[in-house]
Amino acid sequence: SQKRLFVVLAVEEGFADGITVDSLGRIWVALFGGWGVNCYSPAGELLRTVKLPVAHVTKLALGGDDLMTGYVTTARKGLTATELQQQPLAGCVFSFRTDVPGLPANEASASLIGGPAT
């Protein structure tokens, strides 16, 4: 009910894709077309940028034994043949270390409602 603008990205910064939150409430944003991940304070101040050797960064999660490893997925989608030659690691998963742990995962359960589609 109290919606507000959090962050505005310039076109050259890419588009916000996957987002996660760490234990301090900082927001980590994967930048599709932006060559990395940005970390923002809860107030929207840019705190850190993690650059990657690929343009299309898609999702990220904080994990590992101490929840301080960032795991980042990337995509090859939309890259030309020339761009793929320049970014041979496009589509790979990358990792980096953070200074603050992420949040532990919540357990969830799922059940099938109805039967298979006919």
PDB file of N, CA and C in Angstrom:
ATOM      1  N   SER A   1       0.811  -1.203   0.000  1.00  0.00           N
ATOM      2  CA  SER A   1       0.000   0.000   0.000  1.00  0.00           C
ATOM      3  C   SER A   1       0.850   1.260   0.000  1.00  0.00           C
ATOM      4  N   GLN A   2       2.102   1.137   0.398  1.00  0.00           N
ATOM      5  CA  GLN A   2       2.991   2.306   0.426  1.00  0.00           C
ATOM      6  C   GLN A   2       4.067   2.154  -0.629  1.00  0.00           C
ATOM      7  N   LYS A   3       3.646   1.959  -1.858  1.00  0.00           N
ATOM      8  CA  LYS A   3       4.586   1.766  -2.959  1.00  0.00           C
ATOM      9  C   LYS A   3       5.431   3.017  -3.153  1.00  0.00           C
ATOM     10  N   ARG A   4       6.715   2.784  -3.474  1.00  0.00           N
ATOM     11  CA  ARG A   4       7.613   3.894  -3.788  1.00  0.00           C
ATOM     12  C   ARG A   4       8.652   3.394  -4.777  1.00  0.00           C
ATOM     13  N   LEU A   5       9.204   4.323  -5.514  1.00  0.00           N
ATOM     14  CA  LEU A   5      10.259   3.996  -6.465  1.00  0.00           C
ATOM     15  C   LEU A   5      11.510   3.629  -5.677  1.00  0.00           C
ATOM     16  N   PHE A   6      12.093   2.498  -6.001  1.00  0.00           N
ATOM     17  CA  PHE A   6      13.272   2.038  -5.266  1.00  0.00           C
ATOM     18  C   PHE A   6      14.561   2.476  -5.947  1.00  0.00           C
ATOM     19  N   VAL A   7      14.749   2.096  -7.207  1.00  0.00           N
ATOM     20  CA  VAL A   7      15.953   2.407  -7.975  1.00  0.00           C
ATOM     21  C   VAL A   7      15.554   2.607  -9.426  1.00  0.00           C
ATOM     22  N   VAL A   8      16.194   3.558 -10.084  1.00  0.00           N
ATOM     23  CA  VAL A   8      16.020   3.748 -11.518  1.00  0.00           C
ATOM     24  C   VAL A   8      17.332   3.374 -12.187  1.00  0.00           C
ATOM     25  N   LEU A   9      17.263   2.452 -13.133  1.00  0.00           N
ATOM     26  CA  LEU A   9      18.448   2.040 -13.879  1.00  0.00           C
ATOM     27  C   LEU A   9      18.467   2.737 -15.230  1.00  0.00           C
ATOM     28  N   ALA A  10      19.616   3.275 -15.599  1.00  0.00           N
ATOM     29  CA  ALA A  10      19.796   3.820 -16.939  1.00  0.00           C
ATOM     30  C   ALA A  10      19.828   2.651 -17.921  1.00  0.00           C
ATOM     31  N   VAL A  11      19.448   2.888 -19.149  1.00  0.00           N
ATOM     32  CA  VAL A  11      19.396   1.826 -20.168  1.00  0.00           C
ATOM     33  C   VAL A  11      20.727   1.085 -20.257  1.00  0.00           C
ATOM     34  N   GLU A  12      21.831   1.808 -20.209  1.00  0.00           N
ATOM     35  CA  GLU A  12      23.143   1.165 -20.342  1.00  0.00           C
ATOM     36  C   GLU A  12      23.508   0.306 -19.129  1.00  0.00           C
ATOM     37  N   GLU A  13      22.761   0.411 -18.018  1.00  0.00           N
ATOM     38  CA  GLU A  13      23.002  -0.414 -16.835  1.00  0.00           C
ATOM     39  C   GLU A  13      22.321  -1.776 -16.943  1.00  0.00           C
ATOM     40  N   GLY A  14      21.464  -1.945 -17.930  1.00  0.00           N
ATOM     41  CA  GLY A  14      20.738  -3.193 -18.093  1.00  0.00           C
ATOM     42  C   GLY A  14      19.370  -3.118 -17.442  1.00  0.00           C
ATOM     43  N   PHE A  15      18.735  -4.272 -17.377  1.00  0.00           N
ATOM     44  CA  PHE A  15      17.384  -4.367 -16.816  1.00  0.00           C
ATOM     45  C   PHE A  15      17.412  -5.271 -15.595  1.00  0.00           C
ATOM     46  N   ALA A  16      16.707  -4.896 -14.561  1.00  0.00           N
ATOM     47  CA  ALA A  16      16.635  -5.725 -13.356  1.00  0.00           C
ATOM     48  C   ALA A  16      15.995  -7.056 -13.703  1.00  0.00           C
ATOM     49  N   ASP A  17      16.659  -8.131 -13.341  1.00  0.00           N
ATOM     50  CA  ASP A  17      16.099  -9.466 -13.564  1.00  0.00           C
ATOM     51  C   ASP A  17      15.925 -10.116 -12.202  1.00  0.00           C
ATOM     52  N   GLY A  18      16.726 -11.121 -11.862  1.00  0.00           N
ATOM     53  CA  GLY A  18      16.577 -11.789 -10.571  1.00  0.00           C
ATOM     54  C   GLY A  18      17.005 -10.914  -9.418  1.00  0.00           C
ATOM     55  N   ILE A  19      16.312 -11.042  -8.300  1.00  0.00           N
ATOM     56  CA  ILE A  19      16.585 -10.230  -7.110  1.00  0.00           C
ATOM     57  C   ILE A  19      16.593 -11.141  -5.893  1.00  0.00           C
ATOM     58  N   THR A  20      17.504 -10.858  -4.944  1.00  0.00           N
ATOM     59  CA  THR A  20      17.497 -11.540  -3.655  1.00  0.00           C
ATOM     60  C   THR A  20      17.851 -10.532  -2.574  1.00  0.00           C
ATOM     61  N   VAL A  21      17.623 -10.909  -1.332  1.00  0.00           N
ATOM     62  CA  VAL A  21      17.851 -10.019  -0.184  1.00  0.00           C
ATOM     63  C   VAL A  21      18.797 -10.714   0.783  1.00  0.00           C
ATOM     64  N   ASP A  22      19.745  -9.956   1.367  1.00  0.00           N
ATOM     65  CA  ASP A  22      20.651 -10.544   2.352  1.00  0.00           C
ATOM     66  C   ASP A  22      20.144 -10.275   3.768  1.00  0.00           C
ATOM     67  N   SER A  23      20.922 -10.714   4.759  1.00  0.00           N
ATOM     68  CA  SER A  23      20.480 -10.639   6.152  1.00  0.00           C
ATOM     69  C   SER A  23      20.420  -9.210   6.702  1.00  0.00           C
ATOM     70  N   LEU A  24      20.989  -8.247   5.997  1.00  0.00           N
ATOM     71  CA  LEU A  24      20.890  -6.833   6.397  1.00  0.00           C
ATOM     72  C   LEU A  24      19.782  -6.105   5.638  1.00  0.00           C
ATOM     73  N   GLY A  25      19.052  -6.841   4.819  1.00  0.00           N
ATOM     74  CA  GLY A  25      17.979  -6.231   4.043  1.00  0.00           C
ATOM     75  C   GLY A  25      18.462  -5.549   2.776  1.00  0.00           C
ATOM     76  N   ARG A  26      19.740  -5.789   2.413  1.00  0.00           N
ATOM     77  CA  ARG A  26      20.246  -5.220   1.166  1.00  0.00           C
ATOM     78  C   ARG A  26      19.691  -6.011  -0.003  1.00  0.00           C
ATOM     79  N   ILE A  27      19.428  -5.317  -1.094  1.00  0.00           N
ATOM     80  CA  ILE A  27      18.819  -5.933  -2.272  1.00  0.00           C
ATOM     81  C   ILE A  27      19.886  -6.148  -3.334  1.00  0.00           C
ATOM     82  N   TRP A  28      20.029  -7.398  -3.776  1.00  0.00           N
ATOM     83  CA  TRP A  28      20.973  -7.769  -4.822  1.00  0.00           C
ATOM     84  C   TRP A  28      20.182  -7.974  -6.103  1.00  0.00           C
ATOM     85  N   VAL A  29      20.618  -7.322  -7.187  1.00  0.00           N
ATOM     86  CA  VAL A  29      19.876  -7.333  -8.438  1.00  0.00           C
ATOM     87  C   VAL A  29      20.767  -7.825  -9.584  1.00  0.00           C
ATOM     88  N   ALA A  30      20.322  -8.865 -10.283  1.00  0.00           N
ATOM     89  CA  ALA A  30      20.991  -9.327 -11.498  1.00  0.00           C
ATOM     90  C   ALA A  30      20.602  -8.376 -12.627  1.00  0.00           C
ATOM     91  N   LEU A  31      21.576  -7.964 -13.439  1.00  0.00           N
ATOM     92  CA  LEU A  31      21.350  -6.963 -14.482  1.00  0.00           C
ATOM     93  C   LEU A  31      21.441  -7.592 -15.871  1.00  0.00           C
ATOM     94  N   PHE A  32      20.287  -7.888 -16.457  1.00  0.00           N
ATOM     95  CA  PHE A  32      20.251  -8.452 -17.805  1.00  0.00           C
ATOM     96  C   PHE A  32      20.665  -7.357 -18.787  1.00  0.00           C
ATOM     97  N   GLY A  33      21.759  -7.608 -19.507  1.00  0.00           N
ATOM     98  CA  GLY A  33      22.315  -6.589 -20.400  1.00  0.00           C
ATOM     99  C   GLY A  33      23.242  -5.620 -19.679  1.00  0.00           C
ATOM    100  N   GLY A  34      23.502  -5.869 -18.409  1.00  0.00           N
ATOM    101  CA  GLY A  34      24.289  -4.943 -17.603  1.00  0.00           C
ATOM    102  C   GLY A  34      25.624  -5.458 -17.109  1.00  0.00           C
ATOM    103  N   TRP A  35      25.992  -6.670 -17.478  1.00  0.00           N
ATOM    104  CA  TRP A  35      27.323  -7.210 -17.193  1.00  0.00           C
ATOM    105  C   TRP A  35      27.613  -7.402 -15.705  1.00  0.00           C
ATOM    106  N   GLY A  36      26.602  -7.637 -14.885  1.00  0.00           N
ATOM    107  CA  GLY A  36      26.918  -7.877 -13.483  1.00  0.00           C
ATOM    108  C   GLY A  36      25.715  -7.857 -12.563  1.00  0.00           C
ATOM    109  N   VAL A  37      26.042  -7.642 -11.288  1.00  0.00           N
ATOM    110  CA  VAL A  37      25.076  -7.629 -10.197  1.00  0.00           C
ATOM    111  C   VAL A  37      25.304  -6.370  -9.385  1.00  0.00           C
ATOM    112  N   ASN A  38      24.230  -5.696  -9.004  1.00  0.00           N
ATOM    113  CA  ASN A  38      24.324  -4.539  -8.114  1.00  0.00           C
ATOM    114  C   ASN A  38      23.732  -4.890  -6.761  1.00  0.00           C
ATOM    115  N   CYS A  39      24.310  -4.298  -5.710  1.00  0.00           N
ATOM    116  CA  CYS A  39      23.788  -4.441  -4.359  1.00  0.00           C
ATOM    117  C   CYS A  39      23.378  -3.056  -3.865  1.00  0.00           C
ATOM    118  N   TYR A  40      22.138  -2.952  -3.370  1.00  0.00           N
ATOM    119  CA  TYR A  40      21.596  -1.672  -2.902  1.00  0.00           C
ATOM    120  C   TYR A  40      21.221  -1.761  -1.432  1.00  0.00           C
ATOM    121  N   SER A  41      21.362  -0.639  -0.745  1.00  0.00           N
ATOM    122  CA  SER A  41      20.883  -0.549   0.626  1.00  0.00           C
ATOM    123  C   SER A  41      19.360  -0.599   0.606  1.00  0.00           C
ATOM    124  N   PRO A  42      18.717  -0.836   1.749  1.00  0.00           N
ATOM    125  CA  PRO A  42      17.254  -0.800   1.786  1.00  0.00           C
ATOM    126  C   PRO A  42      16.667   0.545   1.333  1.00  0.00           C
ATOM    127  N   ALA A  43      17.480   1.602   1.382  1.00  0.00           N
ATOM    128  CA  ALA A  43      17.028   2.922   0.940  1.00  0.00           C
ATOM    129  C   ALA A  43      17.260   3.153  -0.549  1.00  0.00           C
ATOM    130  N   GLY A  44      17.918   2.195  -1.238  1.00  0.00           N
ATOM    131  CA  GLY A  44      18.142   2.317  -2.673  1.00  0.00           C
ATOM    132  C   GLY A  44      19.499   2.874  -3.062  1.00  0.00           C
ATOM    133  N   GLU A  45      20.420   3.009  -2.113  1.00  0.00           N
ATOM    134  CA  GLU A  45      21.775   3.508  -2.404  1.00  0.00           C
ATOM    135  C   GLU A  45      22.629   2.361  -2.946  1.00  0.00           C
ATOM    136  N   LEU A  46      23.310   2.589  -4.070  1.00  0.00           N
ATOM    137  CA  LEU A  46      24.194   1.574  -4.641  1.00  0.00           C
ATOM    138  C   LEU A  46      25.387   1.373  -3.711  1.00  0.00           C
ATOM    139  N   LEU A  47      25.562   0.136  -3.244  1.00  0.00           N
ATOM    140  CA  LEU A  47      26.649  -0.190  -2.316  1.00  0.00           C
ATOM    141  C   LEU A  47      27.796  -0.937  -2.968  1.00  0.00           C
ATOM    142  N   ARG A  48      27.471  -1.763  -3.956  1.00  0.00           N
ATOM    143  CA  ARG A  48      28.502  -2.613  -4.562  1.00  0.00           C
ATOM    144  C   ARG A  48      28.046  -3.053  -5.936  1.00  0.00           C
ATOM    145  N   THR A  49      29.001  -3.208  -6.838  1.00  0.00           N
ATOM    146  CA  THR A  49      28.762  -3.782  -8.154  1.00  0.00           C
ATOM    147  C   THR A  49      29.733  -4.941  -8.341  1.00  0.00           C
ATOM    148  N   VAL A  50      29.220  -6.071  -8.754  1.00  0.00           N
ATOM    149  CA  VAL A  50      30.045  -7.233  -9.089  1.00  0.00           C
ATOM    150  C   VAL A  50      29.975  -7.384 -10.596  1.00  0.00           C
ATOM    151  N   LYS A  51      31.090  -7.129 -11.275  1.00  0.00           N
ATOM    152  CA  LYS A  51      31.142  -7.239 -12.734  1.00  0.00           C
ATOM    153  C   LYS A  51      31.394  -8.682 -13.145  1.00  0.00           C
ATOM    154  N   LEU A  52      30.767  -9.077 -14.250  1.00  0.00           N
ATOM    155  CA  LEU A  52      30.941 -10.410 -14.805  1.00  0.00           C
ATOM    156  C   LEU A  52      31.370 -10.296 -16.264  1.00  0.00           C
ATOM    157  N   PRO A  53      31.962 -11.359 -16.820  1.00  0.00           N
ATOM    158  CA  PRO A  53      32.453 -11.291 -18.209  1.00  0.00           C
ATOM    159  C   PRO A  53      31.371 -11.575 -19.249  1.00  0.00           C
ATOM    160  N   VAL A  54      30.109 -11.478 -18.857  1.00  0.00           N
ATOM    161  CA  VAL A  54      28.996 -11.722 -19.766  1.00  0.00           C
ATOM    162  C   VAL A  54      27.925 -10.660 -19.549  1.00  0.00           C
ATOM    163  N   ALA A  55      27.200 -10.334 -20.606  1.00  0.00           N
ATOM    164  CA  ALA A  55      26.219  -9.248 -20.553  1.00  0.00           C
ATOM    165  C   ALA A  55      24.908  -9.645 -19.886  1.00  0.00           C
ATOM    166  N   HIS A  56      24.413 -10.837 -20.200  1.00  0.00           N
ATOM    167  CA  HIS A  56      23.061 -11.199 -19.782  1.00  0.00           C
ATOM    168  C   HIS A  56      23.067 -11.977 -18.464  1.00  0.00           C
ATOM    169  N   VAL A  57      22.989 -11.240 -17.379  1.00  0.00           N
ATOM    170  CA  VAL A  57      22.960 -11.818 -16.040  1.00  0.00           C
ATOM    171  C   VAL A  57      21.491 -11.989 -15.656  1.00  0.00           C
ATOM    172  N   THR A  58      21.114 -13.186 -15.218  1.00  0.00           N
ATOM    173  CA  THR A  58      19.690 -13.480 -15.071  1.00  0.00           C
ATOM    174  C   THR A  58      19.200 -13.605 -13.633  1.00  0.00           C
ATOM    175  N   LYS A  59      19.750 -14.469 -12.844  1.00  0.00           N
ATOM    176  CA  LYS A  59      19.272 -14.702 -11.481  1.00  0.00           C
ATOM    177  C   LYS A  59      20.451 -14.849 -10.542  1.00  0.00           C
ATOM    178  N   LEU A  60      20.182 -14.659  -9.240  1.00  0.00           N
ATOM    179  CA  LEU A  60      21.216 -14.893  -8.257  1.00  0.00           C
ATOM    180  C   LEU A  60      20.611 -15.370  -6.959  1.00  0.00           C
ATOM    181  N   ALA A  61      21.430 -16.082  -6.197  1.00  0.00           N
ATOM    182  CA  ALA A  61      21.035 -16.565  -4.877  1.00  0.00           C
ATOM    183  C   ALA A  61      22.261 -16.517  -3.988  1.00  0.00           C
ATOM    184  N   LEU A  62      22.053 -16.303  -2.701  1.00  0.00           N
ATOM    185  CA  LEU A  62      23.142 -16.332  -1.731  1.00  0.00           C
ATOM    186  C   LEU A  62      23.067 -17.663  -1.009  1.00  0.00           C
ATOM    187  N   GLY A  63      24.167 -18.423  -1.038  1.00  0.00           N
ATOM    188  CA  GLY A  63      24.137 -19.762  -0.468  1.00  0.00           C
ATOM    189  C   GLY A  63      25.491 -20.202   0.035  1.00  0.00           C
ATOM    190  N   GLY A  64      25.697 -21.489   0.059  1.00  0.00           N
ATOM    191  CA  GLY A  64      26.901 -22.077   0.625  1.00  0.00           C
ATOM    192  C   GLY A  64      26.710 -22.301   2.117  1.00  0.00           C
ATOM    193  N   ASP A  65      27.690 -22.944   2.750  1.00  0.00           N
ATOM    194  CA  ASP A  65      27.589 -23.262   4.182  1.00  0.00           C
ATOM    195  C   ASP A  65      27.363 -22.039   5.051  1.00  0.00           C
ATOM    196  N   ASP A  66      27.957 -20.914   4.668  1.00  0.00           N
ATOM    197  CA  ASP A  66      27.826 -19.687   5.465  1.00  0.00           C
ATOM    198  C   ASP A  66      26.887 -18.664   4.832  1.00  0.00           C
ATOM    199  N   LEU A  67      26.220 -19.038   3.746  1.00  0.00           N
ATOM    200  CA  LEU A  67      25.288 -18.156   3.016  1.00  0.00           C
ATOM    201  C   LEU A  67      25.964 -16.889   2.496  1.00  0.00           C
ATOM    202  N   MET A  68      27.284 -16.951   2.264  1.00  0.00           N
ATOM    203  CA  MET A  68      28.025 -15.784   1.808  1.00  0.00           C
ATOM    204  C   MET A  68      28.638 -15.963   0.419  1.00  0.00           C
ATOM    205  N   THR A  69      28.113 -16.916  -0.340  1.00  0.00           N
ATOM    206  CA  THR A  69      28.534 -17.099  -1.717  1.00  0.00           C
ATOM    207  C   THR A  69      27.371 -16.722  -2.616  1.00  0.00           C
ATOM    208  N   GLY A  70      27.617 -15.797  -3.515  1.00  0.00           N
ATOM    209  CA  GLY A  70      26.610 -15.434  -4.504  1.00  0.00           C
ATOM    210  C   GLY A  70      26.741 -16.347  -5.702  1.00  0.00           C
ATOM    211  N   TYR A  71      25.655 -17.004  -6.074  1.00  0.00           N
ATOM    212  CA  TYR A  71      25.607 -17.859  -7.261  1.00  0.00           C
ATOM    213  C   TYR A  71      24.773 -17.130  -8.304  1.00  0.00           C
ATOM    214  N   VAL A  72      25.343 -16.963  -9.506  1.00  0.00           N
ATOM    215  CA  VAL A  72      24.708 -16.136 -10.534  1.00  0.00           C
ATOM    216  C   VAL A  72      24.563 -16.932 -11.827  1.00  0.00           C
ATOM    217  N   THR A  73      23.347 -16.951 -12.367  1.00  0.00           N
ATOM    218  CA  THR A  73      23.124 -17.578 -13.666  1.00  0.00           C
ATOM    219  C   THR A  73      23.155 -16.500 -14.746  1.00  0.00           C
ATOM    220  N   THR A  74      23.521 -16.924 -15.951  1.00  0.00           N
ATOM    221  CA  THR A  74      23.594 -16.003 -17.086  1.00  0.00           C
ATOM    222  C   THR A  74      22.949 -16.669 -18.299  1.00  0.00           C
ATOM    223  N   ALA A  75      22.749 -15.888 -19.354  1.00  0.00           N
ATOM    224  CA  ALA A  75      22.069 -16.411 -20.546  1.00  0.00           C
ATOM    225  C   ALA A  75      22.850 -16.095 -21.817  1.00  0.00           C
ATOM    226  N   ARG A  76      22.618 -16.938 -22.820  1.00  0.00           N
ATOM    227  CA  ARG A  76      23.149 -16.704 -24.158  1.00  0.00           C
ATOM    228  C   ARG A  76      22.088 -16.064 -25.050  1.00  0.00           C
ATOM    229  N   LYS A  77      20.851 -16.089 -24.578  1.00  0.00           N
ATOM    230  CA  LYS A  77      19.706 -15.599 -25.346  1.00  0.00           C
ATOM    231  C   LYS A  77      19.926 -14.166 -25.826  1.00  0.00           C
ATOM    232  N   GLY A  78      19.619 -13.945 -27.088  1.00  0.00           N
ATOM    233  CA  GLY A  78      19.681 -12.601 -27.638  1.00  0.00           C
ATOM    234  C   GLY A  78      21.055 -12.135 -28.072  1.00  0.00           C
ATOM    235  N   LEU A  79      22.079 -12.961 -27.885  1.00  0.00           N
ATOM    236  CA  LEU A  79      23.430 -12.564 -28.298  1.00  0.00           C
ATOM    237  C   LEU A  79      23.675 -12.987 -29.742  1.00  0.00           C
ATOM    238  N   THR A  80      24.298 -12.115 -30.499  1.00  0.00           N
ATOM    239  CA  THR A  80      24.654 -12.428 -31.881  1.00  0.00           C
ATOM    240  C   THR A  80      25.841 -13.382 -31.899  1.00  0.00           C
ATOM    241  N   ALA A  81      26.152 -13.923 -33.060  1.00  0.00           N
ATOM    242  CA  ALA A  81      27.303 -14.814 -33.198  1.00  0.00           C
ATOM    243  C   ALA A  81      28.593 -14.101 -32.783  1.00  0.00           C
ATOM    244  N   THR A  82      28.722 -12.839 -33.150  1.00  0.00           N
ATOM    245  CA  THR A  82      29.910 -12.061 -32.769  1.00  0.00           C
ATOM    246  C   THR A  82      29.969 -11.867 -31.260  1.00  0.00           C
ATOM    247  N   GLU A  83      28.833 -11.542 -30.655  1.00  0.00           N
ATOM    248  CA  GLU A  83      28.798 -11.352 -29.202  1.00  0.00           C
ATOM    249  C   GLU A  83      29.118 -12.655 -28.470  1.00  0.00           C
ATOM    250  N   LEU A  84      28.646 -13.777 -29.007  1.00  0.00           N
ATOM    251  CA  LEU A  84      28.951 -15.066 -28.394  1.00  0.00           C
ATOM    252  C   LEU A  84      30.445 -15.381 -28.474  1.00  0.00           C
ATOM    253  N   GLN A  85      31.099 -14.967 -29.562  1.00  0.00           N
ATOM    254  CA  GLN A  85      32.557 -15.142 -29.660  1.00  0.00           C
ATOM    255  C   GLN A  85      33.260 -14.277 -28.618  1.00  0.00           C
ATOM    256  N   GLN A  86      32.740 -13.087 -28.367  1.00  0.00           N
ATOM    257  CA  GLN A  86      33.334 -12.171 -27.394  1.00  0.00           C
ATOM    258  C   GLN A  86      33.008 -12.572 -25.956  1.00  0.00           C
ATOM    259  N   GLN A  87      31.929 -13.342 -25.776  1.00  0.00           N
ATOM    260  CA  GLN A  87      31.481 -13.760 -24.450  1.00  0.00           C
ATOM    261  C   GLN A  87      31.332 -15.279 -24.400  1.00  0.00           C
ATOM    262  N   PRO A  88      32.434 -16.003 -24.526  1.00  0.00           N
ATOM    263  CA  PRO A  88      32.327 -17.467 -24.599  1.00  0.00           C
ATOM    264  C   PRO A  88      31.752 -18.095 -23.327  1.00  0.00           C
ATOM    265  N   LEU A  89      31.736 -17.379 -22.224  1.00  0.00           N
ATOM    266  CA  LEU A  89      31.208 -17.922 -20.969  1.00  0.00           C
ATOM    267  C   LEU A  89      29.729 -17.601 -20.763  1.00  0.00           C
ATOM    268  N   ALA A  90      29.112 -16.943 -21.743  1.00  0.00           N
ATOM    269  CA  ALA A  90      27.682 -16.640 -21.633  1.00  0.00           C
ATOM    270  C   ALA A  90      26.907 -17.939 -21.454  1.00  0.00           C
ATOM    271  N   GLY A  91      25.984 -17.944 -20.519  1.00  0.00           N
ATOM    272  CA  GLY A  91      25.212 -19.136 -20.212  1.00  0.00           C
ATOM    273  C   GLY A  91      25.765 -19.930 -19.043  1.00  0.00           C
ATOM    274  N   CYS A  92      26.936 -19.555 -18.555  1.00  0.00           N
ATOM    275  CA  CYS A  92      27.546 -20.256 -17.423  1.00  0.00           C
ATOM    276  C   CYS A  92      27.010 -19.715 -16.096  1.00  0.00           C
ATOM    277  N   VAL A  93      27.309 -20.454 -15.031  1.00  0.00           N
ATOM    278  CA  VAL A  93      26.993 -20.019 -13.670  1.00  0.00           C
ATOM    279  C   VAL A  93      28.285 -19.502 -13.046  1.00  0.00           C
ATOM    280  N   PHE A  94      28.208 -18.363 -12.378  1.00  0.00           N
ATOM    281  CA  PHE A  94      29.367 -17.746 -11.728  1.00  0.00           C
ATOM    282  C   PHE A  94      29.119 -17.668 -10.225  1.00  0.00           C
ATOM    283  N   SER A  95      30.191 -17.462  -9.469  1.00  0.00           N
ATOM    284  CA  SER A  95      30.048 -17.259  -8.030  1.00  0.00           C
ATOM    285  C   SER A  95      30.980 -16.146  -7.581  1.00  0.00           C
ATOM    286  N   PHE A  96      30.616 -15.530  -6.467  1.00  0.00           N
ATOM    287  CA  PHE A  96      31.442 -14.500  -5.839  1.00  0.00           C
ATOM    288  C   PHE A  96      31.162 -14.525  -4.341  1.00  0.00           C
ATOM    289  N   ARG A  97      32.045 -13.928  -3.554  1.00  0.00           N
ATOM    290  CA  ARG A  97      31.873 -13.885  -2.100  1.00  0.00           C
ATOM    291  C   ARG A  97      31.264 -12.545  -1.691  1.00  0.00           C
ATOM    292  N   THR A  98      30.433 -12.591  -0.674  1.00  0.00           N
ATOM    293  CA  THR A  98      29.831 -11.384  -0.116  1.00  0.00           C
ATOM    294  C   THR A  98      30.394 -11.148   1.280  1.00  0.00           C
ATOM    295  N   ASP A  99      30.139  -9.967   1.815  1.00  0.00           N
ATOM    296  CA  ASP A  99      30.597  -9.644   3.165  1.00  0.00           C
ATOM    297  C   ASP A  99      29.502  -9.855   4.209  1.00  0.00           C
ATOM    298  N   VAL A 100      28.310 -10.174   3.767  1.00  0.00           N
ATOM    299  CA  VAL A 100      27.153 -10.375   4.639  1.00  0.00           C
ATOM    300  C   VAL A 100      26.418 -11.627   4.160  1.00  0.00           C
ATOM    301  N   PRO A 101      25.963 -12.480   5.072  1.00  0.00           N
ATOM    302  CA  PRO A 101      25.247 -13.675   4.625  1.00  0.00           C
ATOM    303  C   PRO A 101      23.865 -13.363   4.082  1.00  0.00           C
ATOM    304  N   GLY A 102      23.387 -14.299   3.283  1.00  0.00           N
ATOM    305  CA  GLY A 102      22.008 -14.223   2.811  1.00  0.00           C
ATOM    306  C   GLY A 102      21.078 -14.715   3.902  1.00  0.00           C
ATOM    307  N   LEU A 103      19.855 -14.942   3.537  1.00  0.00           N
ATOM    308  CA  LEU A 103      18.853 -15.453   4.472  1.00  0.00           C
ATOM    309  C   LEU A 103      18.692 -16.946   4.269  1.00  0.00           C
ATOM    310  N   PRO A 104      18.482 -17.703   5.350  1.00  0.00           N
ATOM    311  CA  PRO A 104      18.256 -19.135   5.164  1.00  0.00           C
ATOM    312  C   PRO A 104      16.967 -19.374   4.397  1.00  0.00           C
ATOM    313  N   ALA A 105      16.943 -20.450   3.661  1.00  0.00           N
ATOM    314  CA  ALA A 105      15.757 -20.784   2.861  1.00  0.00           C
ATOM    315  C   ALA A 105      14.626 -21.246   3.769  1.00  0.00           C
ATOM    316  N   ASN A 106      13.432 -20.909   3.390  1.00  0.00           N
ATOM    317  CA  ASN A 106      12.250 -21.414   4.076  1.00  0.00           C
ATOM    318  C   ASN A 106      11.850 -22.730   3.440  1.00  0.00           C
ATOM    319  N   GLU A 107      11.465 -23.673   4.264  1.00  0.00           N
ATOM    320  CA  GLU A 107      10.991 -24.935   3.716  1.00  0.00           C
ATOM    321  C   GLU A 107       9.568 -24.750   3.229  1.00  0.00           C
ATOM    322  N   ALA A 108       9.266 -25.398   2.150  1.00  0.00           N
ATOM    323  CA  ALA A 108       7.919 -25.330   1.589  1.00  0.00           C
ATOM    324  C   ALA A 108       7.506 -26.727   1.170  1.00  0.00           C
ATOM    325  N   SER A 109       6.233 -26.935   1.138  1.00  0.00           N
ATOM    326  CA  SER A 109       5.746 -28.207   0.629  1.00  0.00           C
ATOM    327  C   SER A 109       4.745 -27.913  -0.474  1.00  0.00           C
ATOM    328  N   ALA A 110       4.615 -28.844  -1.345  1.00  0.00           N
ATOM    329  CA  ALA A 110       3.697 -28.678  -2.458  1.00  0.00           C
ATOM    330  C   ALA A 110       2.872 -29.949  -2.597  1.00  0.00           C
ATOM    331  N   SER A 111       1.687 -29.775  -3.090  1.00  0.00           N
ATOM    332  CA  SER A 111       0.867 -30.940  -3.365  1.00  0.00           C
ATOM    333  C   SER A 111       0.180 -30.743  -4.700  1.00  0.00           C
ATOM    334  N   LEU A 112      -0.084 -31.826  -5.364  1.00  0.00           N
ATOM    335  CA  LEU A 112      -0.743 -31.790  -6.660  1.00  0.00           C
ATOM    336  C   LEU A 112      -2.225 -31.585  -6.463  1.00  0.00           C
ATOM    337  N   ILE A 113      -2.755 -30.574  -7.114  1.00  0.00           N
ATOM    338  CA  ILE A 113      -4.188 -30.325  -7.070  1.00  0.00           C
ATOM    339  C   ILE A 113      -4.769 -30.769  -8.399  1.00  0.00           C
ATOM    340  N   GLY A 114      -5.684 -31.703  -8.346  1.00  0.00           N
ATOM    341  CA  GLY A 114      -6.231 -32.223  -9.588  1.00  0.00           C
ATOM    342  C   GLY A 114      -5.296 -33.253 -10.190  1.00  0.00           C
ATOM    343  N   GLY A 115      -5.609 -33.670 -11.363  1.00  0.00           N
ATOM    344  CA  GLY A 115      -4.789 -34.668 -12.031  1.00  0.00           C
ATOM    345  C   GLY A 115      -4.073 -34.075 -13.214  1.00  0.00           C
ATOM    346  N   PRO A 116      -3.383 -34.885 -13.956  1.00  0.00           N
ATOM    347  CA  PRO A 116      -2.675 -34.389 -15.131  1.00  0.00           C
ATOM    348  C   PRO A 116      -3.662 -33.852 -16.175  1.00  0.00           C
ATOM    349  N   ALA A 117      -3.209 -32.880 -16.918  1.00  0.00           N
ATOM    350  CA  ALA A 117      -4.038 -32.306 -17.977  1.00  0.00           C
ATOM    351  C   ALA A 117      -4.309 -33.359 -19.038  1.00  0.00           C
ATOM    352  N   THR A 118      -5.482 -33.320 -19.584  1.00  0.00           N
ATOM    353  CA  THR A 118      -5.813 -34.301 -20.629  1.00  0.00           C
ATOM    354  C   THR A 118      -5.814 -33.646 -21.978  1.00  0.00           C
TER     355      THR A 118
END
